[in-house]
C-alpha atoms as a PDB file:
ATOM      1  CA  UNK A   1      29.787 -23.381 -84.107  1.00  0.00           C
ATOM      2  CA  UNK A   2      26.849 -23.141 -86.193  1.00  0.00           C
ATOM      3  CA  UNK A   3      23.035 -24.430 -85.793  1.00  0.00           C
ATOM      4  CA  UNK A   4      20.730 -26.292 -87.299  1.00  0.00           C
ATOM      5  CA  UNK A   5      17.269 -24.287 -88.182  1.00  0.00           C
ATOM      6  CA  UNK A   6      14.543 -26.594 -88.834  1.00  0.00           C
ATOM      7  CA  UNK A   7      11.221 -24.820 -89.631  1.00  0.00           C
ATOM      8  CA  UNK A   8       8.945 -27.592 -88.602  1.00  0.00           C
ATOM      9  CA  UNK A   9       5.396 -27.696 -91.072  1.00  0.00           C
ATOM     10  CA  UNK A  10       3.259 -25.413 -89.016  1.00  0.00           C
ATOM     11  CA  UNK A  11       5.640 -22.870 -89.017  1.00  0.00           C
ATOM     12  CA  UNK A  12       6.543 -23.219 -92.749  1.00  0.00           C
ATOM     13  CA  UNK A  13       2.601 -23.049 -93.156  1.00  0.00           C
ATOM     14  CA  UNK A  14       2.276 -19.707 -90.746  1.00  0.00           C
ATOM     15  CA  UNK A  15       5.485 -18.142 -93.087  1.00  0.00           C
ATOM     16  CA  UNK A  16       3.988 -18.907 -96.472  1.00  0.00           C
ATOM     17  CA  UNK A  17       0.624 -16.889 -94.751  1.00  0.00           C
ATOM     18  CA  UNK A  18       2.616 -14.189 -94.087  1.00  0.00           C
ATOM     19  CA  UNK A  19       4.363 -14.020 -97.558  1.00  0.00           C
ATOM     20  CA  UNK A  20       1.609 -14.513 -99.825  1.00  0.00           C
ATOM     21  CA  UNK A  21      -0.305 -11.617 -97.906  1.00  0.00           C
ATOM     22  CA  UNK A  22       2.661  -9.176 -97.652  1.00  0.00           C
ATOM     23  CA  UNK A  23       3.109  -6.038-100.257  1.00  0.00           C
ATOM     24  CA  UNK A  24       7.054  -6.316 -99.926  1.00  0.00           C
ATOM     25  CA  UNK A  25       7.362 -10.323-100.542  1.00  0.00           C
ATOM     26  CA  UNK A  26      11.378  -9.769-100.915  1.00  0.00           C
ATOM     27  CA  UNK A  27      11.090  -7.432 -97.116  1.00  0.00           C
ATOM     28  CA  UNK A  28       9.490 -10.579 -95.675  1.00  0.00           C
ATOM     29  CA  UNK A  29      12.077 -13.187 -97.239  1.00  0.00           C
ATOM     30  CA  UNK A  30      14.885 -11.043 -96.428  1.00  0.00           C
ATOM     31  CA  UNK A  31      13.081 -11.306 -92.293  1.00  0.00           C
ATOM     32  CA  UNK A  32      12.579 -15.457 -92.135  1.00  0.00           C
ATOM     33  CA  UNK A  33      16.391 -14.933 -94.062  1.00  0.00           C
ATOM     34  CA  UNK A  34      17.381 -13.568 -90.431  1.00  0.00           C
ATOM     35  CA  UNK A  35      15.602 -15.355 -87.978  1.00  0.00           C
ATOM     36  CA  UNK A  36      17.967 -18.091 -89.810  1.00  0.00           C
ATOM     37  CA  UNK A  37      21.419 -16.023 -89.470  1.00  0.00           C
ATOM     38  CA  UNK A  38      20.577 -15.491 -86.229  1.00  0.00           C
ATOM     39  CA  UNK A  39      19.712 -18.756 -84.897  1.00  0.00           C
ATOM     40  CA  UNK A  40      22.751 -21.049 -86.652  1.00  0.00           C
ATOM     41  CA  UNK A  41      25.257 -18.368 -85.348  1.00  0.00           C
ATOM     42  CA  UNK A  42      24.110 -16.453 -82.425  1.00  0.00           C
ATOM     43  CA  UNK A  43      22.119 -19.344 -79.532  1.00  0.00           C
ATOM     44  CA  UNK A  44      22.258 -16.159 -77.686  1.00  0.00           C
ATOM     45  CA  UNK A  45      22.097 -13.597 -79.080  1.00  0.00           C
ATOM     46  CA  UNK A  46      20.425 -10.471 -77.444  1.00  0.00           C
ATOM     47  CA  UNK A  47      17.411 -10.119 -79.720  1.00  0.00           C
ATOM     48  CA  UNK A  48      15.983 -13.329 -78.171  1.00  0.00           C
ATOM     49  CA  UNK A  49      15.612 -15.489 -75.313  1.00  0.00           C
ATOM     50  CA  UNK A  50      15.869 -18.893 -73.957  1.00  0.00           C
ATOM     51  CA  UNK A  51      14.242 -20.092 -71.436  1.00  0.00           C
ATOM     52  CA  UNK A  52      13.852 -23.885 -70.914  1.00  0.00           C
ATOM     53  CA  UNK A  53      14.614 -24.509 -74.373  1.00  0.00           C
ATOM     54  CA  UNK A  54      12.224 -22.222 -75.415  1.00  0.00           C
ATOM     55  CA  UNK A  55      12.297 -19.230 -76.850  1.00  0.00           C
ATOM     56  CA  UNK A  56      11.172 -16.476 -79.365  1.00  0.00           C
ATOM     57  CA  UNK A  57      13.125 -14.245 -81.676  1.00  0.00           C
ATOM     58  CA  UNK A  58      11.315 -11.121 -83.331  1.00  0.00           C
ATOM     59  CA  UNK A  59      13.079  -9.226 -86.627  1.00  0.00           C
ATOM     60  CA  UNK A  60      11.596  -6.461 -88.395  1.00  0.00           C
ATOM     61  CA  UNK A  61       8.672  -8.423 -90.788  1.00  0.00           C
ATOM     62  CA  UNK A  62       8.478 -11.930 -89.217  1.00  0.00           C
ATOM     63  CA  UNK A  63       8.030 -13.501 -85.302  1.00  0.00           C
ATOM     64  CA  UNK A  64       8.936 -16.650 -84.543  1.00  0.00           C
ATOM     65  CA  UNK A  65       8.619 -18.800 -81.531  1.00  0.00           C
ATOM     66  CA  UNK A  66      11.509 -22.204 -81.326  1.00  0.00           C
ATOM     67  CA  UNK A  67      12.400 -25.031 -79.301  1.00  0.00           C
ATOM     68  CA  UNK A  68      16.569 -25.428 -78.753  1.00  0.00           C
ATOM     69  CA  UNK A  69      18.038 -28.701 -79.099  1.00  0.00           C
ATOM     70  CA  UNK A  70      21.028 -27.912 -77.631  1.00  0.00           C
ATOM     71  CA  UNK A  71      22.595 -31.606 -77.299  1.00  0.00           C
ATOM     72  CA  UNK A  72      22.089 -31.695 -81.079  1.00  0.00           C
ATOM     73  CA  UNK A  73      22.598 -27.797 -81.669  1.00  0.00           C
ATOM     74  CA  UNK A  74      19.476 -27.816 -83.393  1.00  0.00           C
ATOM     75  CA  UNK A  75      17.005 -24.633 -83.145  1.00  0.00           C
ATOM     76  CA  UNK A  76      13.376 -25.883 -84.132  1.00  0.00           C
ATOM     77  CA  UNK A  77      11.265 -22.667 -85.317  1.00  0.00           C
ATOM     78  CA  UNK A  78       7.590 -23.743 -84.266  1.00  0.00           C
ATOM     79  CA  UNK A  79       5.285 -20.764 -84.988  1.00  0.00           C
ATOM     80  CA  UNK A  80       5.854 -17.928 -86.785  1.00  0.00           C
ATOM     81  CA  UNK A  81       3.627 -14.680 -87.034  1.00  0.00           C
ATOM     82  CA  UNK A  82       4.110 -11.206 -88.724  1.00  0.00           C
ATOM     83  CA  UNK A  83       5.270  -8.372 -86.978  1.00  0.00           C
ATOM     84  CA  UNK A  84       3.550  -4.995 -87.689  1.00  0.00           C
ATOM     85  CA  UNK A  85       5.599  -1.389 -87.049  1.00  0.00           C
ATOM     86  CA  UNK A  86       5.970  -0.923 -82.914  1.00  0.00           C
ATOM     87  CA  UNK A  87       6.024  -4.020 -81.958  1.00  0.00           C
END
């Protein structure tokens, strides 16, 4: 089953700040793609936990907070932040 992933305007703006300040823009873009791929195909993935519809997913360089709308098979990414090594 495939889920739809929607980045809110706030999360998109957060991501663009991370991307703009990054030395390795390709790696940051790949991290965002990883987030999309995990949420699209694996809503109960080991890398995130969903409680009451809300959850967090941390990839190599980008972390996100999201809300799962199970009825509509959709994830809404609400916020994004940079992840540094060791987090």
